[in-house]
Structure formats: structure tokens, C-alpha cells
Amino acid sequence: MAEPGLVVLDITGGDEDTVRAVMAALEERRAASGIGLVRRDPGEPGVRARVYADVLRPGRDGP
């Protein structure tokens, strides 16, 4: 990344538990928007979620 700042991540997984685990792990490492809404798109496999993370600020466990 050329300049640090806010990133938007769209996470797709096979099930809700997997997507929530990814969001929780991200929140541990970076200041993030937290575990948000997980959605299913009709006709599409798996579930999706969006999370916002600040690459400048560490999460709860540091950098």
C-alpha cells in the first residue's frame, strides 16, 4: 500500500461462523469496525460481510 489509512474488506466464506471468525481475528490485529452484519445473497453460495479497518492503528493485541 502506498499510503496507510482506512481499508474496506469484503469477506466471503462458506458459512457465518467462518466469516465471523475472520472478522474477529482482524479486529484483534487492527482497529476495525467490528463484527458486523453477515448476509446471504440469493442464488450465491456462502455468506458475505464488510469490515472497515484502520491500518494506522493496531488492534487490541498491538501491531
PDB file of N, CA and C in Angstrom:
ATOM      1  N   MET A   1       0.826  -1.168   0.000  1.00  0.00           N
ATOM      2  CA  MET A   1       0.000   0.000   0.000  1.00  0.00           C
ATOM      3  C   MET A   1       0.881   1.245   0.000  1.00  0.00           C
ATOM      4  N   ALA A   2       0.610   2.155  -0.858  1.00  0.00           N
ATOM      5  CA  ALA A   2       1.418   3.363  -0.957  1.00  0.00           C
ATOM      6  C   ALA A   2       1.203   4.300   0.227  1.00  0.00           C
ATOM      7  N   GLU A   3      -0.053   4.459   0.651  1.00  0.00           N
ATOM      8  CA  GLU A   3      -0.351   5.333   1.781  1.00  0.00           C
ATOM      9  C   GLU A   3      -1.250   4.595   2.758  1.00  0.00           C
ATOM     10  N   PRO A   4      -0.900   4.591   4.039  1.00  0.00           N
ATOM     11  CA  PRO A   4      -1.735   3.901   5.023  1.00  0.00           C
ATOM     12  C   PRO A   4      -3.028   4.661   5.285  1.00  0.00           C
ATOM     13  N   GLY A   5      -3.983   3.973   5.807  1.00  0.00           N
ATOM     14  CA  GLY A   5      -5.258   4.590   6.149  1.00  0.00           C
ATOM     15  C   GLY A   5      -6.344   3.548   6.286  1.00  0.00           C
ATOM     16  N   LEU A   6      -7.535   3.930   5.905  1.00  0.00           N
ATOM     17  CA  LEU A   6      -8.699   3.067   6.025  1.00  0.00           C
ATOM     18  C   LEU A   6      -8.781   2.099   4.840  1.00  0.00           C
ATOM     19  N   VAL A   7      -9.060   0.842   5.139  1.00  0.00           N
ATOM     20  CA  VAL A   7      -9.298  -0.140   4.087  1.00  0.00           C
ATOM     21  C   VAL A   7     -10.688  -0.739   4.297  1.00  0.00           C
ATOM     22  N   VAL A   8     -11.307  -1.131   3.214  1.00  0.00           N
ATOM     23  CA  VAL A   8     -12.605  -1.782   3.241  1.00  0.00           C
ATOM     24  C   VAL A   8     -12.395  -3.204   2.738  1.00  0.00           C
ATOM     25  N   LEU A   9     -12.816  -4.166   3.537  1.00  0.00           N
ATOM     26  CA  LEU A   9     -12.649  -5.562   3.161  1.00  0.00           C
ATOM     27  C   LEU A   9     -14.014  -6.217   3.023  1.00  0.00           C
ATOM     28  N   ASP A  10     -14.255  -6.845   1.895  1.00  0.00           N
ATOM     29  CA  ASP A  10     -15.439  -7.667   1.705  1.00  0.00           C
ATOM     30  C   ASP A  10     -14.991  -9.105   1.908  1.00  0.00           C
ATOM     31  N   ILE A  11     -15.568  -9.747   2.904  1.00  0.00           N
ATOM     32  CA  ILE A  11     -15.167 -11.103   3.280  1.00  0.00           C
ATOM     33  C   ILE A  11     -16.265 -12.063   2.834  1.00  0.00           C
ATOM     34  N   THR A  12     -15.867 -13.123   2.165  1.00  0.00           N
ATOM     35  CA  THR A  12     -16.799 -14.162   1.724  1.00  0.00           C
ATOM     36  C   THR A  12     -16.340 -15.483   2.288  1.00  0.00           C
ATOM     37  N   GLY A  13     -17.261 -16.232   2.845  1.00  0.00           N
ATOM     38  CA  GLY A  13     -16.917 -17.535   3.411  1.00  0.00           C
ATOM     39  C   GLY A  13     -18.037 -18.525   3.195  1.00  0.00           C
ATOM     40  N   GLY A  14     -17.735 -19.762   3.481  1.00  0.00           N
ATOM     41  CA  GLY A  14     -18.709 -20.830   3.289  1.00  0.00           C
ATOM     42  C   GLY A  14     -19.858 -20.789   4.265  1.00  0.00           C
ATOM     43  N   ASP A  15     -19.616 -20.243   5.470  1.00  0.00           N
ATOM     44  CA  ASP A  15     -20.671 -20.180   6.468  1.00  0.00           C
ATOM     45  C   ASP A  15     -20.454 -18.980   7.388  1.00  0.00           C
ATOM     46  N   GLU A  16     -21.468 -18.663   8.160  1.00  0.00           N
ATOM     47  CA  GLU A  16     -21.444 -17.487   9.022  1.00  0.00           C
ATOM     48  C   GLU A  16     -20.357 -17.578  10.095  1.00  0.00           C
ATOM     49  N   ASP A  17     -20.154 -18.751  10.669  1.00  0.00           N
ATOM     50  CA  ASP A  17     -19.127 -18.904  11.707  1.00  0.00           C
ATOM     51  C   ASP A  17     -17.733 -18.580  11.178  1.00  0.00           C
ATOM     52  N   THR A  18     -17.443 -19.005   9.960  1.00  0.00           N
ATOM     53  CA  THR A  18     -16.135 -18.742   9.362  1.00  0.00           C
ATOM     54  C   THR A  18     -15.926 -17.257   9.136  1.00  0.00           C
ATOM     55  N   VAL A  19     -16.927 -16.590   8.589  1.00  0.00           N
ATOM     56  CA  VAL A  19     -16.823 -15.151   8.322  1.00  0.00           C
ATOM     57  C   VAL A  19     -16.670 -14.383   9.636  1.00  0.00           C
ATOM     58  N   ARG A  20     -17.423 -14.758  10.650  1.00  0.00           N
ATOM     59  CA  ARG A  20     -17.313 -14.084  11.955  1.00  0.00           C
ATOM     60  C   ARG A  20     -15.930 -14.311  12.575  1.00  0.00           C
ATOM     61  N   ALA A  21     -15.365 -15.490  12.404  1.00  0.00           N
ATOM     62  CA  ALA A  21     -14.024 -15.769  12.930  1.00  0.00           C
ATOM     63  C   ALA A  21     -12.968 -14.905  12.237  1.00  0.00           C
ATOM     64  N   VAL A  22     -13.098 -14.715  10.933  1.00  0.00           N
ATOM     65  CA  VAL A  22     -12.162 -13.862  10.190  1.00  0.00           C
ATOM     66  C   VAL A  22     -12.274 -12.423  10.684  1.00  0.00           C
ATOM     67  N   MET A  23     -13.504 -11.933  10.854  1.00  0.00           N
ATOM     68  CA  MET A  23     -13.680 -10.556  11.335  1.00  0.00           C
ATOM     69  C   MET A  23     -13.115 -10.384  12.741  1.00  0.00           C
ATOM     70  N   ALA A  24     -13.308 -11.373  13.601  1.00  0.00           N
ATOM     71  CA  ALA A  24     -12.783 -11.294  14.966  1.00  0.00           C
ATOM     72  C   ALA A  24     -11.250 -11.279  14.958  1.00  0.00           C
ATOM     73  N   ALA A  25     -10.635 -12.100  14.109  1.00  0.00           N
ATOM     74  CA  ALA A  25      -9.173 -12.133  14.021  1.00  0.00           C
ATOM     75  C   ALA A  25      -8.638 -10.801  13.505  1.00  0.00           C
ATOM     76  N   LEU A  26      -9.316 -10.218  12.540  1.00  0.00           N
ATOM     77  CA  LEU A  26      -8.899  -8.916  12.021  1.00  0.00           C
ATOM     78  C   LEU A  26      -8.999  -7.854  13.110  1.00  0.00           C
ATOM     79  N   GLU A  27     -10.062  -7.905  13.880  1.00  0.00           N
ATOM     80  CA  GLU A  27     -10.261  -6.927  14.951  1.00  0.00           C
ATOM     81  C   GLU A  27      -9.169  -7.029  16.024  1.00  0.00           C
ATOM     82  N   GLU A  28      -8.634  -8.224  16.217  1.00  0.00           N
ATOM     83  CA  GLU A  28      -7.540  -8.407  17.176  1.00  0.00           C
ATOM     84  C   GLU A  28      -6.260  -7.725  16.700  1.00  0.00           C
ATOM     85  N   ARG A  29      -6.072  -7.653  15.398  1.00  0.00           N
ATOM     86  CA  ARG A  29      -4.811  -7.146  14.836  1.00  0.00           C
ATOM     87  C   ARG A  29      -4.851  -5.674  14.427  1.00  0.00           C
ATOM     88  N   ARG A  30      -6.009  -5.178  14.066  1.00  0.00           N
ATOM     89  CA  ARG A  30      -6.151  -3.800  13.572  1.00  0.00           C
ATOM     90  C   ARG A  30      -7.388  -3.177  14.188  1.00  0.00           C
ATOM     91  N   ALA A  31      -7.358  -1.848  14.316  1.00  0.00           N
ATOM     92  CA  ALA A  31      -8.563  -1.137  14.724  1.00  0.00           C
ATOM     93  C   ALA A  31      -9.581  -1.322  13.601  1.00  0.00           C
ATOM     94  N   ALA A  32     -10.672  -1.992  13.904  1.00  0.00           N
ATOM     95  CA  ALA A  32     -11.640  -2.346  12.868  1.00  0.00           C
ATOM     96  C   ALA A  32     -13.053  -2.005  13.339  1.00  0.00           C
ATOM     97  N   SER A  33     -13.969  -2.019  12.388  1.00  0.00           N
ATOM     98  CA  SER A  33     -15.353  -1.670  12.678  1.00  0.00           C
ATOM     99  C   SER A  33     -16.070  -2.737  13.491  1.00  0.00           C
ATOM    100  N   GLY A  34     -15.438  -3.874  13.685  1.00  0.00           N
ATOM    101  CA  GLY A  34     -16.049  -4.927  14.498  1.00  0.00           C
ATOM    102  C   GLY A  34     -16.828  -5.921  13.666  1.00  0.00           C
ATOM    103  N   ILE A  35     -17.394  -6.859  14.352  1.00  0.00           N
ATOM    104  CA  ILE A  35     -18.156  -7.913  13.690  1.00  0.00           C
ATOM    105  C   ILE A  35     -19.503  -7.329  13.308  1.00  0.00           C
ATOM    106  N   GLY A  36     -19.731  -7.258  12.023  1.00  0.00           N
ATOM    107  CA  GLY A  36     -20.938  -6.617  11.522  1.00  0.00           C
ATOM    108  C   GLY A  36     -21.932  -7.611  10.951  1.00  0.00           C
ATOM    109  N   LEU A  37     -22.812  -7.084  10.158  1.00  0.00           N
ATOM    110  CA  LEU A  37     -23.873  -7.854   9.528  1.00  0.00           C
ATOM    111  C   LEU A  37     -23.287  -8.868   8.544  1.00  0.00           C
ATOM    112  N   VAL A  38     -23.719 -10.102   8.666  1.00  0.00           N
ATOM    113  CA  VAL A  38     -23.348 -11.159   7.725  1.00  0.00           C
ATOM    114  C   VAL A  38     -24.582 -11.423   6.878  1.00  0.00           C
ATOM    115  N   ARG A  39     -24.414 -11.419   5.564  1.00  0.00           N
ATOM    116  CA  ARG A  39     -25.585 -11.569   4.693  1.00  0.00           C
ATOM    117  C   ARG A  39     -25.402 -12.719   3.703  1.00  0.00           C
ATOM    118  N   ARG A  40     -26.521 -13.217   3.271  1.00  0.00           N
ATOM    119  CA  ARG A  40     -26.563 -14.220   2.198  1.00  0.00           C
ATOM    120  C   ARG A  40     -27.204 -13.563   0.982  1.00  0.00           C
ATOM    121  N   ASP A  41     -26.564 -13.712  -0.144  1.00  0.00           N
ATOM    122  CA  ASP A  41     -27.126 -13.194  -1.389  1.00  0.00           C
ATOM    123  C   ASP A  41     -27.857 -14.333  -2.088  1.00  0.00           C
ATOM    124  N   PRO A  42     -29.152 -14.151  -2.400  1.00  0.00           N
ATOM    125  CA  PRO A  42     -29.927 -15.208  -3.045  1.00  0.00           C
ATOM    126  C   PRO A  42     -29.242 -15.709  -4.320  1.00  0.00           C
ATOM    127  N   GLY A  43     -29.152 -17.016  -4.432  1.00  0.00           N
ATOM    128  CA  GLY A  43     -28.560 -17.625  -5.610  1.00  0.00           C
ATOM    129  C   GLY A  43     -27.044 -17.709  -5.587  1.00  0.00           C
ATOM    130  N   GLU A  44     -26.408 -17.129  -4.575  1.00  0.00           N
ATOM    131  CA  GLU A  44     -24.946 -17.150  -4.450  1.00  0.00           C
ATOM    132  C   GLU A  44     -24.551 -18.067  -3.288  1.00  0.00           C
ATOM    133  N   PRO A  45     -23.482 -18.841  -3.452  1.00  0.00           N
ATOM    134  CA  PRO A  45     -23.043 -19.701  -2.355  1.00  0.00           C
ATOM    135  C   PRO A  45     -22.377 -18.891  -1.240  1.00  0.00           C
ATOM    136  N   GLY A  46     -22.444 -19.388  -0.011  1.00  0.00           N
ATOM    137  CA  GLY A  46     -21.738 -18.778   1.108  1.00  0.00           C
ATOM    138  C   GLY A  46     -22.405 -17.522   1.644  1.00  0.00           C
ATOM    139  N   VAL A  47     -21.654 -16.835   2.504  1.00  0.00           N
ATOM    140  CA  VAL A  47     -22.128 -15.610   3.134  1.00  0.00           C
ATOM    141  C   VAL A  47     -21.081 -14.520   2.948  1.00  0.00           C
ATOM    142  N   ARG A  48     -21.505 -13.271   3.127  1.00  0.00           N
ATOM    143  CA  ARG A  48     -20.608 -12.135   2.918  1.00  0.00           C
ATOM    144  C   ARG A  48     -20.741 -11.150   4.076  1.00  0.00           C
ATOM    145  N   ALA A  49     -19.661 -10.424   4.307  1.00  0.00           N
ATOM    146  CA  ALA A  49     -19.667  -9.357   5.304  1.00  0.00           C
ATOM    147  C   ALA A  49     -18.664  -8.299   4.866  1.00  0.00           C
ATOM    148  N   ARG A  50     -18.861  -7.091   5.346  1.00  0.00           N
ATOM    149  CA  ARG A  50     -17.932  -5.992   5.052  1.00  0.00           C
ATOM    150  C   ARG A  50     -17.392  -5.483   6.379  1.00  0.00           C
ATOM    151  N   VAL A  51     -16.095  -5.233   6.401  1.00  0.00           N
ATOM    152  CA  VAL A  51     -15.456  -4.697   7.597  1.00  0.00           C
ATOM    153  C   VAL A  51     -14.512  -3.574   7.169  1.00  0.00           C
ATOM    154  N   TYR A  52     -14.427  -2.565   8.003  1.00  0.00           N
ATOM    155  CA  TYR A  52     -13.544  -1.428   7.762  1.00  0.00           C
ATOM    156  C   TYR A  52     -12.412  -1.508   8.777  1.00  0.00           C
ATOM    157  N   ALA A  53     -11.189  -1.316   8.320  1.00  0.00           N
ATOM    158  CA  ALA A  53     -10.035  -1.408   9.219  1.00  0.00           C
ATOM    159  C   ALA A  53      -9.107  -0.224   8.999  1.00  0.00           C
ATOM    160  N   ASP A  54      -8.499   0.233  10.081  1.00  0.00           N
ATOM    161  CA  ASP A  54      -7.548   1.326  10.044  1.00  0.00           C
ATOM    162  C   ASP A  54      -6.163   0.717  10.105  1.00  0.00           C
ATOM    163  N   VAL A  55      -5.395   0.852   9.029  1.00  0.00           N
ATOM    164  CA  VAL A  55      -4.064   0.237   9.004  1.00  0.00           C
ATOM    165  C   VAL A  55      -3.052   1.034   9.797  1.00  0.00           C
ATOM    166  N   LEU A  56      -3.428   2.212  10.288  1.00  0.00           N
ATOM    167  CA  LEU A  56      -2.531   3.019  11.109  1.00  0.00           C
ATOM    168  C   LEU A  56      -2.576   2.620  12.581  1.00  0.00           C
ATOM    169  N   ARG A  57      -3.733   2.203  13.044  1.00  0.00           N
ATOM    170  CA  ARG A  57      -3.886   1.905  14.465  1.00  0.00           C
ATOM    171  C   ARG A  57      -3.939   0.402  14.708  1.00  0.00           C
ATOM    172  N   PRO A  58      -3.134  -0.095  15.631  1.00  0.00           N
ATOM    173  CA  PRO A  58      -3.178  -1.514  15.952  1.00  0.00           C
ATOM    174  C   PRO A  58      -4.472  -1.865  16.686  1.00  0.00           C
ATOM    175  N   GLY A  59      -4.774  -3.140  16.697  1.00  0.00           N
ATOM    176  CA  GLY A  59      -5.939  -3.628  17.429  1.00  0.00           C
ATOM    177  C   GLY A  59      -5.591  -3.847  18.878  1.00  0.00           C
ATOM    178  N   ARG A  60      -6.326  -4.741  19.521  1.00  0.00           N
ATOM    179  CA  ARG A  60      -6.163  -4.979  20.951  1.00  0.00           C
ATOM    180  C   ARG A  60      -4.828  -5.617  21.311  1.00  0.00           C
ATOM    181  N   ASP A  61      -4.274  -6.413  20.383  1.00  0.00           N
ATOM    182  CA  ASP A  61      -3.027  -7.126  20.665  1.00  0.00           C
ATOM    183  C   ASP A  61      -1.789  -6.396  20.151  1.00  0.00           C
ATOM    184  N   GLY A  62      -1.936  -5.190  19.657  1.00  0.00           N
ATOM    185  CA  GLY A  62      -0.783  -4.461  19.136  1.00  0.00           C
ATOM    186  C   GLY A  62      -0.598  -4.679  17.656  1.00  0.00           C
ATOM    187  N   PRO A  63       0.553  -4.242  17.095  1.00  0.00           N
ATOM    188  CA  PRO A  63       0.773  -4.302  15.641  1.00  0.00           C
ATOM    189  C   PRO A  63       0.778  -5.679  15.053  1.00  0.00           C
TER     190      PRO A  63
END
